[in-house]
């Protein structure tokens, strides 16, 4: 087991896990998210080469529509998400 932080919450995974596998486990479309790992914002083309490892600090956000102005908003995706857009924790 490895431990890491995703959106401020501790997450345990069975071992090093490709980012895209983790995101798919969450049921999130990787085309609609932005990901930061250990303080570095990943380019979408780098998602494939990223493997989550022990001690990583990850932020995952996704764009959602709505609101009074109709402008897209940013919503956290992952264990610390809340409300109707809550994404379940893997592991």
N, C-alpha and C. Protein backbone atom coordinates (compact mmCIF):
# COMPACT_ATOMS: atom_id res chain seq x y z
N UNK A 1 0.84 -1.19 0.00
CA UNK A 1 0.00 0.00 0.00
C UNK A 1 0.88 1.25 0.00
N UNK A 2 0.40 2.26 -0.71
CA UNK A 2 1.08 3.55 -0.68
C UNK A 2 0.10 4.61 -0.22
N UNK A 3 0.60 5.65 0.42
CA UNK A 3 -0.23 6.75 0.87
C UNK A 3 0.13 8.03 0.14
N UNK A 4 -0.89 8.77 -0.25
CA UNK A 4 -0.69 10.06 -0.87
C UNK A 4 -1.84 10.97 -0.49
N UNK A 5 -1.75 12.24 -0.86
CA UNK A 5 -2.82 13.20 -0.55
C UNK A 5 -3.43 13.64 -1.87
N UNK A 6 -4.74 13.53 -1.94
CA UNK A 6 -5.48 13.98 -3.12
C UNK A 6 -6.51 14.99 -2.65
N UNK A 7 -6.39 16.22 -3.14
CA UNK A 7 -7.29 17.30 -2.75
C UNK A 7 -7.40 17.43 -1.23
N UNK A 8 -6.26 17.29 -0.57
CA UNK A 8 -6.20 17.50 0.87
C UNK A 8 -6.58 16.30 1.72
N UNK A 9 -6.96 15.20 1.11
CA UNK A 9 -7.35 14.00 1.87
C UNK A 9 -6.33 12.90 1.66
N UNK A 10 -6.11 12.11 2.70
CA UNK A 10 -5.22 10.96 2.59
C UNK A 10 -5.91 9.86 1.80
N UNK A 11 -5.18 9.31 0.83
CA UNK A 11 -5.69 8.23 -0.01
C UNK A 11 -4.67 7.10 0.02
N UNK A 12 -5.16 5.88 0.15
CA UNK A 12 -4.28 4.72 0.06
C UNK A 12 -4.59 3.98 -1.23
N UNK A 13 -3.53 3.62 -1.93
CA UNK A 13 -3.65 2.85 -3.17
C UNK A 13 -2.83 1.57 -3.00
N UNK A 14 -3.17 0.53 -3.74
CA UNK A 14 -2.46 -0.73 -3.56
C UNK A 14 -0.98 -0.68 -3.92
N UNK A 15 -0.58 0.29 -4.72
CA UNK A 15 0.81 0.45 -5.13
C UNK A 15 0.89 1.64 -6.07
N UNK A 16 2.07 1.89 -6.64
CA UNK A 16 2.17 2.97 -7.61
C UNK A 16 1.09 2.78 -8.69
N UNK A 17 0.38 3.87 -9.00
CA UNK A 17 -0.79 3.79 -9.87
C UNK A 17 -0.72 4.85 -10.95
N UNK A 18 -0.88 4.44 -12.22
CA UNK A 18 -0.93 5.44 -13.28
C UNK A 18 -2.05 6.45 -13.01
N UNK A 19 -1.74 7.72 -13.21
CA UNK A 19 -2.72 8.78 -12.97
C UNK A 19 -4.03 8.51 -13.71
N UNK A 20 -3.95 8.14 -14.98
CA UNK A 20 -5.18 7.92 -15.75
C UNK A 20 -6.00 6.76 -15.20
N UNK A 21 -5.36 5.73 -14.66
CA UNK A 21 -6.11 4.63 -14.04
C UNK A 21 -6.86 5.14 -12.81
N UNK A 22 -6.19 5.96 -12.00
CA UNK A 22 -6.82 6.50 -10.79
C UNK A 22 -8.01 7.38 -11.17
N UNK A 23 -7.82 8.26 -12.14
CA UNK A 23 -8.89 9.16 -12.57
C UNK A 23 -10.08 8.36 -13.10
N UNK A 24 -9.81 7.33 -13.87
CA UNK A 24 -10.90 6.49 -14.40
C UNK A 24 -11.63 5.77 -13.27
N UNK A 25 -10.89 5.32 -12.24
CA UNK A 25 -11.53 4.70 -11.06
C UNK A 25 -12.51 5.67 -10.40
N UNK A 26 -12.18 6.95 -10.44
CA UNK A 26 -13.05 7.96 -9.86
C UNK A 26 -14.27 8.23 -10.73
N UNK A 27 -14.24 7.74 -11.97
CA UNK A 27 -15.35 7.99 -12.88
C UNK A 27 -15.29 9.37 -13.51
N UNK A 28 -14.10 9.95 -13.58
CA UNK A 28 -13.92 11.31 -14.11
C UNK A 28 -13.32 11.23 -15.50
N UNK A 29 -13.85 12.03 -16.41
CA UNK A 29 -13.31 12.11 -17.77
C UNK A 29 -12.02 12.92 -17.73
N UNK A 30 -10.88 12.33 -18.08
CA UNK A 30 -9.61 13.05 -17.99
C UNK A 30 -9.52 14.26 -18.92
N UNK A 31 -10.40 14.34 -19.91
CA UNK A 31 -10.38 15.50 -20.82
C UNK A 31 -10.92 16.76 -20.16
N UNK A 32 -11.64 16.61 -19.04
CA UNK A 32 -12.25 17.77 -18.40
C UNK A 32 -11.63 18.16 -17.08
N UNK A 33 -10.38 17.74 -16.84
CA UNK A 33 -9.75 18.04 -15.55
C UNK A 33 -8.40 18.73 -15.75
N UNK A 34 -7.94 19.33 -14.67
CA UNK A 34 -6.57 19.83 -14.57
C UNK A 34 -5.95 19.12 -13.36
N UNK A 35 -4.68 18.75 -13.47
CA UNK A 35 -4.02 17.99 -12.41
C UNK A 35 -2.70 18.65 -12.04
N UNK A 36 -2.48 18.75 -10.74
CA UNK A 36 -1.21 19.23 -10.20
C UNK A 36 -0.64 18.11 -9.33
N UNK A 37 0.61 17.76 -9.54
CA UNK A 37 1.27 16.73 -8.74
C UNK A 37 2.53 17.34 -8.14
N UNK A 38 2.59 17.34 -6.82
CA UNK A 38 3.75 17.87 -6.10
C UNK A 38 4.10 19.29 -6.54
N UNK A 39 3.06 20.10 -6.72
CA UNK A 39 3.25 21.51 -7.04
C UNK A 39 3.43 21.83 -8.51
N UNK A 40 3.51 20.82 -9.36
CA UNK A 40 3.68 21.05 -10.80
C UNK A 40 2.39 20.73 -11.54
N UNK A 41 1.90 21.71 -12.30
CA UNK A 41 0.70 21.48 -13.11
C UNK A 41 1.09 20.66 -14.32
N UNK A 42 0.38 19.56 -14.52
CA UNK A 42 0.68 18.68 -15.64
C UNK A 42 -0.03 19.14 -16.90
N UNK A 43 0.66 19.04 -18.01
CA UNK A 43 0.03 19.23 -19.32
C UNK A 43 -0.76 17.96 -19.60
N UNK A 44 -1.87 18.08 -20.29
CA UNK A 44 -2.72 16.93 -20.54
C UNK A 44 -1.95 15.78 -21.20
N UNK A 45 -1.02 16.11 -22.10
CA UNK A 45 -0.27 15.05 -22.77
C UNK A 45 0.68 14.31 -21.81
N UNK A 46 0.92 14.88 -20.63
CA UNK A 46 1.79 14.24 -19.65
C UNK A 46 1.04 13.31 -18.70
N UNK A 47 -0.29 13.31 -18.76
CA UNK A 47 -1.07 12.43 -17.87
C UNK A 47 -0.67 10.97 -18.06
N UNK A 48 -0.44 10.57 -19.31
CA UNK A 48 -0.13 9.17 -19.59
C UNK A 48 1.15 8.69 -18.92
N UNK A 49 2.13 9.57 -18.82
CA UNK A 49 3.41 9.18 -18.23
C UNK A 49 3.50 9.38 -16.73
N UNK A 50 2.43 9.86 -16.10
CA UNK A 50 2.46 10.14 -14.66
C UNK A 50 1.97 8.93 -13.87
N UNK A 51 2.78 8.50 -12.92
CA UNK A 51 2.40 7.43 -12.01
C UNK A 51 2.39 7.99 -10.59
N UNK A 52 1.26 7.83 -9.92
CA UNK A 52 1.14 8.30 -8.53
C UNK A 52 1.94 7.39 -7.62
N UNK A 53 2.73 7.99 -6.74
CA UNK A 53 3.64 7.23 -5.88
C UNK A 53 3.49 7.67 -4.42
N UNK A 54 4.11 6.92 -3.55
CA UNK A 54 4.12 7.19 -2.11
C UNK A 54 4.48 8.64 -1.84
N UNK A 55 3.64 9.31 -1.03
CA UNK A 55 3.93 10.67 -0.59
C UNK A 55 3.54 11.77 -1.56
N UNK A 56 3.05 11.43 -2.75
CA UNK A 56 2.65 12.47 -3.71
C UNK A 56 1.53 13.33 -3.13
N UNK A 57 1.53 14.59 -3.53
CA UNK A 57 0.46 15.52 -3.18
C UNK A 57 -0.18 15.93 -4.50
N UNK A 58 -1.47 15.60 -4.64
CA UNK A 58 -2.17 15.74 -5.91
C UNK A 58 -3.39 16.63 -5.74
N UNK A 59 -3.60 17.51 -6.68
CA UNK A 59 -4.83 18.30 -6.76
C UNK A 59 -5.47 18.00 -8.11
N UNK A 60 -6.75 17.65 -8.08
CA UNK A 60 -7.49 17.39 -9.31
C UNK A 60 -8.70 18.31 -9.31
N UNK A 61 -8.83 19.12 -10.34
CA UNK A 61 -10.00 19.99 -10.46
C UNK A 61 -10.64 19.75 -11.82
N UNK A 62 -11.94 19.99 -11.89
CA UNK A 62 -12.64 19.83 -13.16
C UNK A 62 -13.53 21.03 -13.40
N UNK A 63 -13.76 21.30 -14.66
CA UNK A 63 -14.63 22.40 -15.05
C UNK A 63 -16.07 21.93 -14.98
N UNK A 64 -16.93 22.77 -14.44
CA UNK A 64 -18.36 22.48 -14.40
C UNK A 64 -19.10 23.72 -14.90
N UNK A 65 -20.20 23.52 -15.57
CA UNK A 65 -21.00 24.64 -16.05
C UNK A 65 -22.03 25.01 -15.01
N UNK A 66 -22.64 26.16 -15.21
CA UNK A 66 -23.71 26.57 -14.32
C UNK A 66 -23.41 27.90 -13.67
N UNK A 67 -24.20 28.21 -12.68
CA UNK A 67 -24.04 29.49 -12.01
C UNK A 67 -24.89 30.54 -12.68
N UNK A 68 -24.98 31.70 -12.07
CA UNK A 68 -25.85 32.75 -12.58
C UNK A 68 -25.34 33.36 -13.88
N UNK A 69 -24.03 33.42 -14.05
CA UNK A 69 -23.51 34.06 -15.25
C UNK A 69 -23.38 33.07 -16.40
N UNK A 70 -23.48 31.78 -16.11
CA UNK A 70 -23.31 30.77 -17.14
C UNK A 70 -21.85 30.47 -17.44
N UNK A 71 -20.94 31.15 -16.76
CA UNK A 71 -19.52 30.90 -16.96
C UNK A 71 -19.12 29.62 -16.26
N UNK A 72 -18.20 28.86 -16.86
CA UNK A 72 -17.75 27.63 -16.20
C UNK A 72 -17.08 27.94 -14.87
N UNK A 73 -17.22 27.04 -13.94
CA UNK A 73 -16.57 27.17 -12.63
C UNK A 73 -15.61 26.01 -12.46
N UNK A 74 -14.70 26.14 -11.53
CA UNK A 74 -13.78 25.05 -11.23
C UNK A 74 -14.28 24.33 -10.00
N UNK A 75 -14.30 23.02 -10.06
CA UNK A 75 -14.75 22.21 -8.93
C UNK A 75 -13.71 21.14 -8.68
N UNK A 76 -13.40 20.89 -7.42
CA UNK A 76 -12.45 19.84 -7.10
C UNK A 76 -13.05 18.49 -7.46
N UNK A 77 -12.22 17.62 -7.96
CA UNK A 77 -12.63 16.25 -8.26
C UNK A 77 -11.75 15.35 -7.41
N UNK A 78 -12.34 14.38 -6.78
CA UNK A 78 -11.55 13.47 -5.95
C UNK A 78 -12.09 13.43 -4.54
N UNK A 79 -11.32 12.91 -3.61
CA UNK A 79 -11.79 12.66 -2.26
C UNK A 79 -12.33 13.87 -1.51
N UNK A 80 -11.85 15.07 -1.79
CA UNK A 80 -12.30 16.22 -1.01
C UNK A 80 -13.42 16.97 -1.71
N UNK A 81 -13.92 16.43 -2.81
CA UNK A 81 -15.03 17.09 -3.51
C UNK A 81 -16.27 17.04 -2.62
N UNK A 82 -17.18 18.00 -2.80
CA UNK A 82 -18.38 18.00 -1.99
C UNK A 82 -19.60 18.31 -2.83
N UNK A 83 -20.75 18.10 -2.27
CA UNK A 83 -22.00 18.42 -2.96
C UNK A 83 -22.34 17.40 -4.01
N UNK A 84 -23.17 17.81 -4.98
CA UNK A 84 -23.66 16.88 -5.98
C UNK A 84 -22.57 16.36 -6.91
N UNK A 85 -21.45 17.04 -6.97
CA UNK A 85 -20.36 16.61 -7.83
C UNK A 85 -19.36 15.72 -7.12
N UNK A 86 -19.72 15.20 -5.96
CA UNK A 86 -18.79 14.41 -5.15
C UNK A 86 -18.29 13.20 -5.91
N UNK A 87 -17.00 12.98 -5.87
CA UNK A 87 -16.36 11.85 -6.52
C UNK A 87 -15.90 10.90 -5.41
N UNK A 88 -16.23 9.61 -5.50
CA UNK A 88 -15.85 8.68 -4.44
C UNK A 88 -14.35 8.46 -4.38
N UNK A 89 -13.87 8.11 -3.23
CA UNK A 89 -12.45 7.85 -2.98
C UNK A 89 -12.09 6.44 -3.46
N UNK A 90 -10.97 6.32 -4.13
CA UNK A 90 -10.49 5.00 -4.55
C UNK A 90 -9.84 4.30 -3.37
N UNK A 91 -9.86 2.98 -3.40
CA UNK A 91 -9.18 2.22 -2.35
C UNK A 91 -10.08 1.96 -1.26
